[in-house]
Structures are given as C-alpha cells and as structure tokens.
Amino acid sequence: MSEKQSKSSRFVSLKVKWAIGTAIGSLIISMIVVISLFSAFTQNLLQQERSELNHNMSVVVRQLGNAGESSLTKSKVRSIFEHETNLNSTTEFYRQPLVQGLSNSRVTVTVMNSNGKKIFQTAKATLPLKTSKQAKTEMVKGGHHQIMVGREPILSHDGTIIGYVQVENDLKQYYQVFKRLILISVLALCLVVIASGLLGYFLSYYWLSPLNDIHDTLTVVRDDPTSDARVPKDVTELNDELGELSRMFNQMLDQTQRYIDQQTQFVSDVSHELRTPVAIIQGHMEMLQRWGKDDPQVLDESIAAALKETTRMNSLIKEMLDLTRAEQVDVKFHDAVTEVKDVVEQVFNNFKMLYPDYVFRFDDDLHEDVPVHIYRDHLEQILIILFDNAVKYSKDRKEVHLSLSRNLNSVEIGVQDFGEGIPQEDVLHVFDRFYRVDKARSRKKGGNGLGLAIAKRLVEGYHGHIAVESTVGSGSLFRITLPIVKEKPIEKDK
C-alpha cells in the first residue's frame, strides 16, 4: 500500500468523530437515565403486586379466623366466602362476597385445613401446596418466569392453627408491562443514538465550517508560498477557538510573508548596490591587466579605487545584515527590557567626547530610570545612527540637542540638529532603503542610505514609533517613542 493510500485509509473526518462521540455520550447518559427510571418503575410495580397479594392473604386469614370455627371444612369456607363482607373498607373488593373479589383478583387463593389438605381454591395453583407456621412472601422460580407466593397460618380466637392459606400471583401482567417497557426503552435509546448522531454531525458541520476556509487557505499557500491568501475576515472575527486559531494563522502567514519579502528585498538590494562597486573594481583590474602594471600612477590609482570600493562593499554588507536582523527583533528579542536613561546618557557622553568641537545639550525630564521594551544594544544602535546623522549634516551651527521625557505609557527621545534640513518632498522617504536626499553629497559624506531604515525597523520591531520634522536650512528633529514596561522584571539587559 502506498503512503498516499495509507494516509487516505487512516483519515476520518472530524465531523464523523464528533457525531460518533455525541451518539455514544448520549447513549451512555440515556442508558443511565432509562435504567434508573426502569428499575424504579418496575420495583414500584412489583411492590404493588406484593402489596395486593399480602392484602388478599390478610383478608382471607382474618375472615376465616374471625368466623369462630374450631376447624375448617370445604363447606364452611365456601359459606364464609360467599357471604358479603364488611371490613369497614372503602374499596368495592371488601363490600362484595369475598369469593367474588378473589375471583376478580390476579391471585390464586388456596385454603388448607390443619392437616395441610386442600379444601378450597379459587383457581388452579401453579406451585405445590406447602404450609407455613408464619406469614411470609417470597419469589419462586416458575415455568417461564418467577412467581410470587405468600403463605400464612389461620389462627382461631384462642391462637390454635385451624388451617393454612397459600396465595399465588403468576405476575403475568407484571411481566407483560416489563417486556413492554424494555421494548419502549430500546426503541427510545435507538432514537436517541440516531437523533444525537445526526444532530452532532450537523452541528459539527456548522460550527467547524471555518476549518474549510483554513484548509483552502493552506492549500493556496502550499501551492504558492508567495501568495497573499489569508483566512477570510468573517472567520477571524469569530469569538471562539477557531477565530483565535484563524487570527494566529493569519499572523503566522503575515510573518512568513514578511520574511520572504525581506529575503527577496535583501537579494535585490544587495545585487543592485553591489553592481556598481563590483563593476568599478573589475574595470580597474582589467585596466591593470592590459597595460596599467607598468604605469606606477595608474597602478596606485587602481589599487586605491579598488580598496575604497571594497571598504564600501564591506560597510554595505554589514548594514544590510543589520537591517535583516532589525526586521526580526520581534521574534528574537520580544522580552528584552532596558533602562532607557542609562543608555541615553552613555551615548550622549560618547559623542561629546568624539566631537569636542560640537555643542551637545541634554534636556532630561526623567526623575528616575524607566524600563522600556527594547534590547540595550539596539537602543544604542538607534541613538548612534541619529547622532551620527545629526553631526554629519550639521554645517555652520555645530549643535545637537537631545531630549528625554515620558508620558503615561511611553518614553520619548528627541534628537535635533541645526544643519541642512530635509526638503518636504523627501521627508516621507528618508526611512526607505538606500534613499539619499542629496545623493552626490551623501556619497561624499559616506553611508549607504540604510541607517535610518535600520533605525525605523528596530523601533517598530519593539512596537515603538519614529518620526521626523524638518525644515530646509534649519535642521531636523527625530522623535522616538518606546513603550514602558508596566512592571519591572527581576533581571534587565546589560
């Protein structure tokens, strides 16, 4: 059997499993209820039969015992039974002749004399006649089923035994009701199983229908990993486990798609940006190979140009790798926490030392250190990018302002320079990859146009926000907002 056939043979629909489970569960519960009710009802019915037998036996014994006879004969018993009885009872059975009442009853009464000889019988007895010194009722095995029998001695006024009574109830009516109840119970259980199975299947078909949408989405993504297919909105808005699963599934697909786009963008950007330096190096090497080896000036210029382009390629590759890592911080550093004030002061002091000819001002509105959701090295990297740009693009007024403040839920860091500024049409693009406001001047000042793109990816990776305000000739202000950690963790990033 092939692997495909093996998997196919093992597959059982969840709807079928749900229907079977519902049917079995309903069957078990129904059986418990039915058996309990059946047992209670039949026991009550059997108790009624026992009570009727005991009453009949008690009436016979009392009637014969109160007759005042010293011994019982057939004629005397018949005479007593054929007279109308009155035992102050409200039932018709005791207002009519006793023999008629016994004949209408479901019991068979047999009267025996003191020697155990039968002298009166209302119908043919099933069981052999036996005497008993005391009243007792028991169940005895009969031909097809059990029979209820009661035996009791007949006492005269002075306590002498003058005869015996045996009362039988063949329980035919009881067993008829018993069989009828069994049939009704079996039919009811079958109906419960069928109805619960069908109900379970249709309910599962209705409630699990979102799985079809998830399956269709999975099929599309499996066939085309770059597809933007997602679980429909009407499924993701469900307030249950399937809705939550659909939302998580869409988030996973978005994240996977983002990684695919990042890798595609990375390859595209690297191939585009490396094309020029590789072409320059190749051109100089070919020139040296043809005729430049014997010209010291051409040799020195070619080697210098090749080293310059190699250095730029190395810087570009490093920044591209930094950008790729920055786009994955929400996965690798989602629990990172850093005390923001300490990092900001450290970067501020470092730049004061590196650029003594610049004026650095720090407006600190934090009275205590505040933990924020970000990895310490990444916060340093963001601040270094912003400070480096502020220094690089400052012209006449060599001054950089740093501000640190907070509101209820976040910390805001501002880095302001008073340099060239950014034209309004370029403000929206300064965070794009390889974007340069003035490409010729930016190339001379170094950099590959990836610094702000890296900063933006890092900030947004930690659910923060970065924005810029700029005026040409007056400088630029970059604002970073990072969420505050509500409760300080035991350990923090160092």
Protein backbone atom coordinates (compact mmCIF):
# COMPACT_ATOMS: atom_id res chain seq x y z
CA MET A 1 0.00 0.00 0.00
CA SER A 2 1.41 3.40 -0.97
CA GLU A 3 1.92 6.23 1.51
CA LYS A 4 -0.92 8.21 -0.07
CA GLN A 5 -3.31 5.28 0.17
CA SER A 6 -2.21 4.63 3.78
CA LYS A 7 -2.92 8.22 4.78
CA SER A 8 -6.24 8.13 2.95
CA SER A 9 -7.32 4.95 4.74
CA ARG A 10 -6.47 6.42 8.13
CA PHE A 11 -8.35 9.67 7.56
CA VAL A 12 -11.59 10.03 9.47
CA SER A 13 -13.50 13.29 9.29
CA LEU A 14 -13.71 15.30 12.48
CA LYS A 15 -17.43 15.70 11.82
CA VAL A 16 -17.88 11.92 11.85
CA LYS A 17 -15.83 11.61 15.03
CA TRP A 18 -17.91 14.34 16.64
CA ALA A 19 -21.16 12.63 15.57
CA ILE A 20 -20.00 9.25 16.89
CA GLY A 21 -18.79 10.76 20.14
CA THR A 22 -22.05 12.64 20.60
CA ALA A 23 -24.08 9.49 19.88
CA ILE A 24 -22.03 7.38 22.31
CA GLY A 25 -22.18 10.04 25.01
CA SER A 26 -25.92 10.46 24.58
CA LEU A 27 -26.36 6.68 24.61
CA ILE A 28 -24.45 6.30 27.88
CA ILE A 29 -26.32 9.13 29.58
CA SER A 30 -29.67 7.92 28.25
CA MET A 31 -28.93 4.35 29.36
CA ILE A 32 -28.16 5.55 32.87
CA VAL A 33 -31.39 7.57 32.98
CA VAL A 34 -33.51 4.83 31.37
CA ILE A 35 -32.10 2.07 33.57
CA SER A 36 -32.69 4.18 36.68
CA LEU A 37 -36.26 5.01 35.70
CA PHE A 38 -36.90 1.44 34.50
CA SER A 39 -35.59 -0.04 37.73
CA ALA A 40 -37.57 2.37 39.89
CA PHE A 41 -40.79 1.83 37.94
CA THR A 42 -40.55 -1.99 37.85
CA GLN A 43 -39.66 -2.14 41.54
CA ASN A 44 -42.65 0.02 42.33
CA LEU A 45 -44.85 -2.18 40.12
CA LEU A 46 -43.54 -5.32 41.80
CA GLN A 47 -44.15 -3.77 45.20
CA GLN A 48 -47.74 -3.08 44.23
CA GLU A 49 -48.16 -6.73 43.24
CA ARG A 50 -46.67 -7.79 46.57
CA SER A 51 -48.94 -5.42 48.48
CA GLU A 52 -52.01 -6.76 46.69
CA LEU A 53 -51.00 -10.35 47.43
CA ASN A 54 -50.42 -9.56 51.12
CA HIS A 55 -53.74 -7.75 51.37
CA ASN A 56 -55.62 -10.65 49.82
CA MET A 57 -53.87 -13.13 52.08
CA SER A 58 -54.54 -10.97 55.13
CA VAL A 59 -58.26 -10.63 54.25
CA VAL A 60 -58.66 -14.38 53.80
CA VAL A 61 -56.86 -15.21 57.05
CA ARG A 62 -58.80 -12.61 59.00
CA GLN A 63 -62.17 -13.59 57.56
CA LEU A 64 -61.66 -17.29 58.28
CA GLY A 65 -60.12 -16.69 61.67
CA ASN A 66 -62.97 -14.43 62.81
CA ALA A 67 -65.61 -16.99 61.84
CA GLY A 68 -65.24 -18.68 65.24
CA GLU A 69 -64.78 -22.16 63.80
CA SER A 70 -62.68 -24.76 65.62
CA SER A 71 -61.87 -26.48 62.35
CA LEU A 72 -62.23 -25.68 58.68
CA THR A 73 -64.14 -27.70 56.11
CA LYS A 74 -64.85 -27.13 52.48
CA SER A 75 -68.48 -26.23 53.06
CA LYS A 76 -67.71 -23.86 55.91
CA VAL A 77 -65.06 -21.99 53.92
CA ARG A 78 -67.36 -21.64 50.92
CA SER A 79 -70.19 -20.44 53.16
CA ILE A 80 -67.94 -17.80 54.72
CA PHE A 81 -66.60 -16.63 51.35
CA GLU A 82 -70.00 -16.42 49.70
CA HIS A 83 -71.46 -14.04 52.29
CA GLU A 84 -70.95 -10.32 51.74
CA THR A 85 -68.07 -8.99 53.78
CA ASN A 86 -67.84 -5.65 55.51
CA LEU A 87 -64.47 -4.75 56.94
CA ASN A 88 -65.12 -1.00 57.05
CA SER A 89 -63.14 -0.61 53.86
CA THR A 90 -63.79 1.99 51.20
CA THR A 91 -62.99 -0.37 48.36
CA GLU A 92 -65.57 -2.38 46.45
CA PHE A 93 -63.49 -5.52 46.87
CA TYR A 94 -64.44 -5.76 50.54
CA ARG A 95 -68.14 -4.85 50.15
CA GLN A 96 -68.92 -7.79 47.87
CA PRO A 97 -68.75 -11.53 48.63
CA LEU A 98 -65.12 -12.48 49.27
CA VAL A 99 -65.08 -15.32 46.74
CA GLN A 100 -66.19 -12.94 44.00
CA GLY A 101 -63.48 -10.46 44.92
CA LEU A 102 -60.86 -13.19 44.91
CA SER A 103 -62.05 -14.45 41.54
CA ASN A 104 -61.68 -10.96 40.07
CA SER A 105 -58.19 -10.64 41.51
CA ARG A 106 -54.92 -11.64 39.77
CA VAL A 107 -54.04 -14.05 42.60
CA THR A 108 -54.88 -17.71 43.19
CA VAL A 109 -56.01 -18.48 46.78
CA THR A 110 -55.77 -21.96 48.24
CA VAL A 111 -57.13 -22.80 51.71
CA MET A 112 -55.93 -25.91 53.52
CA ASN A 113 -57.15 -27.44 56.77
CA SER A 114 -54.96 -28.03 59.76
CA ASN A 115 -53.63 -31.24 58.16
CA GLY A 116 -52.47 -29.40 55.04
CA LYS A 117 -55.20 -30.83 52.84
CA LYS A 118 -56.71 -28.55 50.22
CA ILE A 119 -60.33 -27.64 50.97
CA PHE A 120 -60.83 -24.52 48.79
CA GLN A 121 -59.15 -22.99 45.72
CA THR A 122 -60.12 -20.03 43.54
CA ALA A 123 -58.14 -21.28 40.52
CA LYS A 124 -55.64 -23.97 39.63
CA ALA A 125 -52.39 -23.42 41.51
CA THR A 126 -49.05 -23.48 39.70
CA LEU A 127 -46.87 -24.26 42.69
CA PRO A 128 -47.10 -27.26 45.01
CA LEU A 129 -49.04 -26.64 48.23
CA LYS A 130 -47.00 -26.02 51.34
CA THR A 131 -47.84 -24.93 54.87
CA SER A 132 -46.03 -22.31 56.91
CA LYS A 133 -46.06 -21.61 60.66
CA GLN A 134 -45.67 -17.91 60.00
CA ALA A 135 -46.64 -15.38 57.36
CA LYS A 136 -44.09 -14.95 54.58
CA THR A 137 -43.95 -13.83 50.97
CA GLU A 138 -41.26 -14.89 48.50
CA MET A 139 -40.37 -15.18 44.84
CA VAL A 140 -40.26 -18.75 43.50
CA LYS A 141 -38.97 -19.96 40.14
CA GLY A 142 -41.84 -20.92 37.83
CA GLY A 143 -42.05 -22.47 34.38
CA HIS A 144 -41.25 -19.32 32.35
CA HIS A 145 -40.57 -16.70 34.99
CA GLN A 146 -40.68 -16.15 38.69
CA ILE A 147 -43.93 -16.40 40.66
CA MET A 148 -44.79 -14.55 43.83
CA VAL A 149 -46.22 -16.74 46.60
CA GLY A 150 -47.42 -15.98 50.13
CA ARG A 151 -48.17 -18.46 52.90
CA GLU A 152 -49.74 -17.81 56.31
CA PRO A 153 -51.42 -19.94 59.03
CA ILE A 154 -55.08 -19.36 60.00
CA LEU A 155 -55.49 -18.92 63.75
CA SER A 156 -58.66 -19.22 65.81
CA HIS A 157 -59.58 -16.90 68.70
CA ASP A 158 -57.54 -18.95 71.15
CA GLY A 159 -54.48 -18.98 68.84
CA THR A 160 -54.89 -22.52 67.61
CA ILE A 161 -53.96 -23.20 63.96
CA ILE A 162 -57.12 -24.28 62.18
CA GLY A 163 -55.80 -24.10 58.63
CA TYR A 164 -53.37 -22.56 56.13
CA VAL A 165 -53.58 -20.17 53.24
CA GLN A 166 -51.35 -20.10 50.14
CA VAL A 167 -51.73 -17.16 47.74
CA GLU A 168 -50.04 -17.14 44.32
CA ASN A 169 -49.52 -14.34 41.83
CA ASP A 170 -48.16 -15.56 38.49
CA LEU A 171 -47.08 -11.95 37.68
CA LYS A 172 -48.27 -12.27 34.08
CA GLN A 173 -49.42 -8.68 33.99
CA TYR A 174 -46.19 -7.51 35.61
CA TYR A 175 -44.04 -9.30 33.03
CA GLN A 176 -46.20 -8.02 30.20
CA VAL A 177 -45.59 -4.48 31.39
CA PHE A 178 -41.91 -5.38 31.95
CA LYS A 179 -41.44 -6.57 28.36
CA ARG A 180 -43.33 -3.62 27.01
CA LEU A 181 -41.11 -1.23 28.95
CA ILE A 182 -37.97 -2.98 27.66
CA LEU A 183 -39.18 -2.61 24.09
CA ILE A 184 -40.03 1.06 24.62
CA SER A 185 -36.64 1.67 26.29
CA VAL A 186 -34.71 0.00 23.45
CA LEU A 187 -36.64 1.98 20.83
CA ALA A 188 -36.07 5.18 22.81
CA LEU A 189 -32.33 4.50 23.07
CA CYS A 190 -32.10 3.79 19.35
CA LEU A 191 -33.94 7.02 18.64
CA VAL A 192 -31.60 8.92 20.99
CA VAL A 193 -28.50 7.47 19.27
CA ILE A 194 -29.75 8.26 15.78
CA ALA A 195 -31.04 11.73 16.69
CA SER A 196 -27.93 12.69 18.70
CA GLY A 197 -25.62 11.35 15.98
CA LEU A 198 -27.39 13.35 13.27
CA LEU A 199 -27.60 16.43 15.48
CA GLY A 200 -23.90 16.12 16.36
CA TYR A 201 -22.94 15.77 12.71
CA PHE A 202 -24.95 18.77 11.53
CA LEU A 203 -23.80 20.91 14.48
CA SER A 204 -20.18 19.98 13.81
CA TYR A 205 -20.71 20.69 10.11
CA TYR A 206 -22.00 24.14 11.03
CA TRP A 207 -19.54 25.03 13.80
CA LEU A 208 -16.49 23.53 12.08
CA SER A 209 -17.20 25.07 8.69
CA PRO A 210 -14.43 27.68 9.29
CA LEU A 211 -11.97 24.77 9.03
CA ASN A 212 -12.84 24.59 5.34
CA ASP A 213 -11.70 28.19 4.89
CA ILE A 214 -8.48 27.46 6.79
CA HIS A 215 -7.93 24.37 4.66
CA ASP A 216 -8.48 26.31 1.44
CA THR A 217 -6.04 28.99 2.56
CA LEU A 218 -3.44 26.37 3.47
CA THR A 219 -3.83 24.75 0.07
CA VAL A 220 -3.27 28.04 -1.74
CA VAL A 221 -0.22 28.93 0.38
CA ARG A 222 1.20 25.42 -0.05
CA ASP A 223 0.95 25.69 -3.84
CA ASP A 224 2.27 29.27 -3.87
CA PRO A 225 4.27 30.35 -0.76
CA THR A 226 4.35 33.94 -2.00
CA SER A 227 0.55 34.14 -2.21
CA ASP A 228 -1.20 36.77 -0.11
CA ALA A 229 -4.18 34.47 0.56
CA ARG A 230 -5.48 34.68 4.13
CA VAL A 231 -8.32 33.21 6.17
CA PRO A 232 -11.45 35.30 5.47
CA LYS A 233 -12.42 38.08 7.85
CA ASP A 234 -15.77 36.50 8.80
CA VAL A 235 -13.79 33.57 10.27
CA THR A 236 -11.12 35.62 12.08
CA GLU A 237 -13.84 37.72 13.75
CA LEU A 238 -15.38 34.67 15.48
CA ASN A 239 -15.17 34.85 19.26
CA ASP A 240 -14.12 31.25 19.79
CA GLU A 241 -11.13 28.92 19.46
CA LEU A 242 -11.44 28.73 15.68
CA GLY A 243 -11.47 32.50 15.41
CA GLU A 244 -8.38 32.73 17.61
CA LEU A 245 -6.69 29.98 15.60
CA SER A 246 -7.52 31.79 12.35
CA ARG A 247 -6.08 35.06 13.64
CA MET A 248 -2.89 33.33 14.77
CA PHE A 249 -2.68 31.52 11.45
CA ASN A 250 -3.00 34.79 9.52
CA GLN A 251 -0.34 36.37 11.75
CA MET A 252 1.96 33.44 11.06
CA LEU A 253 1.37 33.78 7.32
CA ASP A 254 2.00 37.53 7.53
CA GLN A 255 5.22 36.93 9.40
CA THR A 256 6.33 34.26 6.95
CA GLN A 257 5.44 36.51 4.03
CA ARG A 258 7.40 39.31 5.66
CA TYR A 259 10.46 37.09 5.94
CA ILE A 260 10.13 36.04 2.31
CA ASP A 261 9.79 39.69 1.26
CA GLN A 262 12.80 40.59 3.40
CA GLN A 263 14.95 37.94 1.80
CA THR A 264 13.76 38.93 -1.67
CA GLN A 265 14.37 42.58 -0.90
CA PHE A 266 17.75 41.77 0.59
CA VAL A 267 18.87 39.90 -2.53
CA SER A 268 17.52 42.63 -4.78
CA ASP A 269 19.13 45.45 -2.79
CA VAL A 270 22.49 43.73 -2.46
CA SER A 271 22.62 42.85 -6.15
CA HIS A 272 21.67 46.42 -7.05
CA GLU A 273 24.04 48.17 -4.65
CA LEU A 274 26.97 45.83 -5.25
CA ARG A 275 26.74 46.08 -9.02
CA THR A 276 28.48 49.49 -9.14
CA PRO A 277 31.45 48.77 -6.83
CA VAL A 278 31.99 45.36 -8.43
CA ALA A 279 31.96 46.97 -11.87
CA ILE A 280 34.45 49.63 -10.71
CA ILE A 281 36.81 47.05 -9.23
CA GLN A 282 36.50 44.88 -12.33
CA GLY A 283 37.24 47.88 -14.61
CA HIS A 284 40.39 48.81 -12.70
CA MET A 285 41.59 45.21 -12.60
CA GLU A 286 41.07 44.83 -16.35
CA MET A 287 42.91 48.12 -16.96
CA LEU A 288 45.83 46.94 -14.85
CA GLN A 289 45.87 43.62 -16.61
CA ARG A 290 46.07 45.27 -20.05
CA TRP A 291 48.64 47.98 -19.58
CA GLY A 292 48.50 49.54 -16.10
CA LYS A 293 51.02 47.25 -14.42
CA ASP A 294 53.93 49.18 -15.91
CA ASP A 295 52.50 52.63 -15.00
CA PRO A 296 53.01 53.33 -11.26
CA GLN A 297 50.47 56.17 -11.24
CA VAL A 298 47.73 54.05 -12.84
CA LEU A 299 48.64 51.17 -10.53
CA ASP A 300 48.33 53.33 -7.41
CA GLU A 301 45.05 54.88 -8.56
CA SER A 302 43.53 51.50 -9.40
CA ILE A 303 44.58 49.93 -6.12
CA ALA A 304 43.24 52.93 -4.16
CA ALA A 305 39.94 52.84 -6.03
CA ALA A 306 39.61 49.08 -5.53
CA LEU A 307 40.31 49.39 -1.79
CA LYS A 308 37.79 52.22 -1.50
CA GLU A 309 35.08 50.24 -3.22
CA THR A 310 35.94 47.14 -1.18
CA THR A 311 35.59 49.13 2.02
CA ARG A 312 32.24 50.45 0.84
CA MET A 313 31.10 46.94 -0.08
CA ASN A 314 32.09 45.69 3.37
CA SER A 315 30.14 48.53 5.01
CA LEU A 316 27.16 47.90 2.76
CA ILE A 317 27.04 44.18 3.53
CA LYS A 318 27.30 44.87 7.27
CA GLU A 319 24.44 47.37 7.14
CA MET A 320 22.33 45.02 5.05
CA LEU A 321 22.82 42.27 7.62
CA ASP A 322 21.95 44.75 10.39
CA LEU A 323 18.78 45.66 8.52
CA THR A 324 17.82 41.99 8.12
CA ARG A 325 18.35 41.36 11.83
CA ALA A 326 16.39 44.51 12.69
CA GLU A 327 13.36 43.11 10.89
CA GLN A 328 13.38 40.04 13.16
CA VAL A 329 13.70 41.64 16.60
CA ASP A 330 10.05 40.95 17.43
CA VAL A 331 10.88 37.23 17.36
CA LYS A 332 14.34 37.11 18.93
CA PHE A 333 14.13 39.94 21.48
CA HIS A 334 10.40 40.23 22.27
CA ASP A 335 11.05 40.01 26.04
CA ALA A 336 14.03 42.39 26.15
CA VAL A 337 13.88 45.25 28.67
CA THR A 338 16.33 48.15 29.08
CA GLU A 339 16.65 51.11 31.46
CA VAL A 340 16.42 53.94 28.93
CA LYS A 341 18.03 56.80 30.87
CA ASP A 342 21.32 55.00 31.40
CA VAL A 343 21.71 54.18 27.68
CA VAL A 344 20.81 57.70 26.50
CA GLU A 345 23.32 59.28 28.87
CA GLN A 346 26.02 56.85 27.74
CA VAL A 347 25.58 57.63 24.03
CA PHE A 348 25.35 61.36 24.76
CA ASN A 349 28.64 61.35 26.69
CA ASN A 350 30.36 59.26 24.00
CA PHE A 351 29.51 61.74 21.25
CA LYS A 352 30.60 64.68 23.43
CA MET A 353 33.97 63.01 23.69
CA LEU A 354 34.20 62.10 19.98
CA TYR A 355 33.22 65.55 18.70
CA PRO A 356 34.62 68.18 21.07
CA ASP A 357 34.05 70.95 18.52
CA TYR A 358 30.28 70.35 18.67
CA VAL A 359 27.85 71.64 21.31
CA PHE A 360 25.67 68.88 22.79
CA ARG A 361 22.73 69.76 25.02
CA PHE A 362 20.66 67.26 27.03
CA ASP A 363 17.18 68.10 28.37
CA ASP A 364 16.34 65.30 30.81
CA ASP A 365 12.78 65.33 32.21
CA LEU A 366 13.03 61.85 33.77
CA HIS A 367 13.46 61.86 37.54
CA GLU A 368 14.16 58.14 37.64
CA ASP A 369 15.22 55.39 35.30
CA VAL A 370 12.35 53.91 33.29
CA PRO A 371 12.32 50.37 31.76
CA VAL A 372 11.28 50.15 28.10
CA HIS A 373 10.67 47.24 25.74
CA ILE A 374 13.91 47.15 23.74
CA TYR A 375 17.26 45.36 23.68
CA ARG A 376 20.04 47.60 25.04
CA ASP A 377 22.39 47.21 22.07
CA HIS A 378 19.57 48.06 19.67
CA LEU A 379 18.72 51.25 21.58
CA GLU A 380 22.38 52.25 21.42
CA GLN A 381 22.44 51.49 17.69
CA ILE A 382 19.37 53.68 17.06
CA LEU A 383 20.80 56.62 19.03
CA ILE A 384 24.20 56.30 17.33
CA ILE A 385 22.51 56.40 13.88
CA LEU A 386 20.56 59.54 14.80
CA PHE A 387 23.54 61.27 16.45
CA ASP A 388 25.82 60.36 13.54
CA ASN A 389 23.36 61.83 11.03
CA ALA A 390 22.95 64.95 13.18
CA VAL A 391 26.70 65.51 13.25
CA LYS A 392 27.19 64.56 9.58
CA TYR A 393 24.62 67.00 8.22
CA SER A 394 25.32 69.96 10.51
CA LYS A 395 27.03 72.83 8.60
CA ASP A 396 27.57 76.22 10.20
CA ARG A 397 25.81 75.67 13.52
CA LYS A 398 27.52 72.67 15.06
CA GLU A 399 24.99 71.98 17.76
CA VAL A 400 22.91 68.90 18.66
CA HIS A 401 20.08 68.81 21.19
CA LEU A 402 18.93 65.66 22.98
CA SER A 403 15.68 65.43 24.97
CA LEU A 404 14.25 62.68 27.14
CA SER A 405 10.69 62.69 28.54
CA ARG A 406 7.81 60.38 29.27
CA ASN A 407 4.02 60.20 29.35
CA LEU A 408 1.70 57.65 30.89
CA ASN A 409 2.63 54.67 28.69
CA SER A 410 5.77 55.57 26.73
CA VAL A 411 9.14 57.30 26.73
CA GLU A 412 10.05 59.88 24.06
CA ILE A 413 13.60 60.56 22.89
CA GLY A 414 14.30 63.55 20.62
CA VAL A 415 17.48 64.23 18.60
CA GLN A 416 17.64 67.65 16.94
CA ASP A 417 20.28 69.19 14.69
CA PHE A 418 20.50 72.64 13.08
CA GLY A 419 22.02 71.65 9.77
CA GLU A 420 20.88 71.32 6.17
CA GLY A 421 17.38 70.04 6.82
CA ILE A 422 15.29 67.81 4.56
CA PRO A 423 13.02 69.04 1.75
CA GLN A 424 9.35 68.37 2.35
CA GLU A 425 9.05 66.04 -0.63
CA ASP A 426 11.83 63.87 0.78
CA VAL A 427 10.61 63.66 4.39
CA LEU A 428 8.30 60.74 3.64
CA HIS A 429 11.16 58.74 2.07
CA VAL A 430 14.05 59.27 4.48
CA PHE A 431 13.35 55.89 6.14
CA ASP A 432 13.38 53.98 2.83
CA ARG A 433 16.30 51.70 1.97
CA PHE A 434 19.18 53.36 0.07
CA TYR A 435 17.32 56.66 -0.11
CA ARG A 436 19.52 59.76 -0.08
CA VAL A 437 18.19 63.32 -0.09
CA ASP A 438 21.23 64.60 -1.98
CA LYS A 439 22.84 61.53 -3.50
CA ALA A 440 26.08 63.20 -4.60
CA ARG A 441 26.75 64.93 -1.27
CA SER A 442 25.58 61.91 0.75
CA ARG A 443 28.04 59.69 -1.13
CA LYS A 444 30.88 62.03 -0.26
CA LYS A 445 29.91 62.05 3.42
CA GLY A 446 29.81 58.26 3.49
CA GLY A 447 27.00 55.87 4.22
CA ASN A 448 24.76 53.76 2.06
CA GLY A 449 21.35 55.17 2.87
CA LEU A 450 20.49 52.33 5.28
CA GLY A 451 20.99 53.95 8.69
CA LEU A 452 17.52 55.43 9.11
CA ALA A 453 15.93 52.32 7.56
CA ILE A 454 17.65 50.21 10.22
CA ALA A 455 16.57 52.61 12.99
CA LYS A 456 12.96 52.53 11.80
CA ARG A 457 12.86 48.70 11.63
CA LEU A 458 14.36 48.43 15.11
CA VAL A 459 11.93 50.90 16.68
CA GLU A 460 8.87 49.39 15.02
CA GLY A 461 10.09 45.89 15.90
CA TYR A 462 9.64 46.83 19.55
CA HIS A 463 6.18 48.36 18.88
CA GLY A 464 7.54 51.89 19.04
CA HIS A 465 7.31 54.82 16.64
CA ILE A 466 9.84 57.10 14.92
CA ALA A 467 9.02 60.35 13.16
CA VAL A 468 10.88 63.33 11.69
CA GLU A 469 10.18 67.06 11.46
CA SER A 470 12.45 69.09 9.23
CA THR A 471 12.85 72.47 7.58
CA VAL A 472 15.37 73.12 4.85
CA GLY A 473 18.22 75.24 6.21
CA SER A 474 17.04 74.98 9.83
CA GLY A 475 17.74 71.34 10.69
CA SER A 476 15.77 68.23 11.60
CA LEU A 477 14.16 66.74 14.70
CA PHE A 478 13.81 62.96 15.05
CA ARG A 479 11.44 61.67 17.74
CA ILE A 480 11.46 58.09 19.06
CA THR A 481 8.61 56.71 21.18
CA LEU A 482 9.06 53.40 23.04
CA PRO A 483 6.50 51.61 25.28
CA ILE A 484 7.17 51.50 29.02
CA VAL A 485 7.25 48.18 30.86
CA LYS A 486 4.44 48.16 33.42
CA GLU A 487 6.26 46.04 35.98
CA LYS A 488 10.00 45.93 36.35
CA PRO A 489 11.47 42.48 35.72
CA ILE A 490 13.92 40.87 38.10
CA GLU A 491 16.71 40.97 35.51
CA LYS A 492 17.36 43.51 32.78
CA ASP A 493 19.51 43.62 29.65
CA LYS A 494 23.03 44.81 30.17
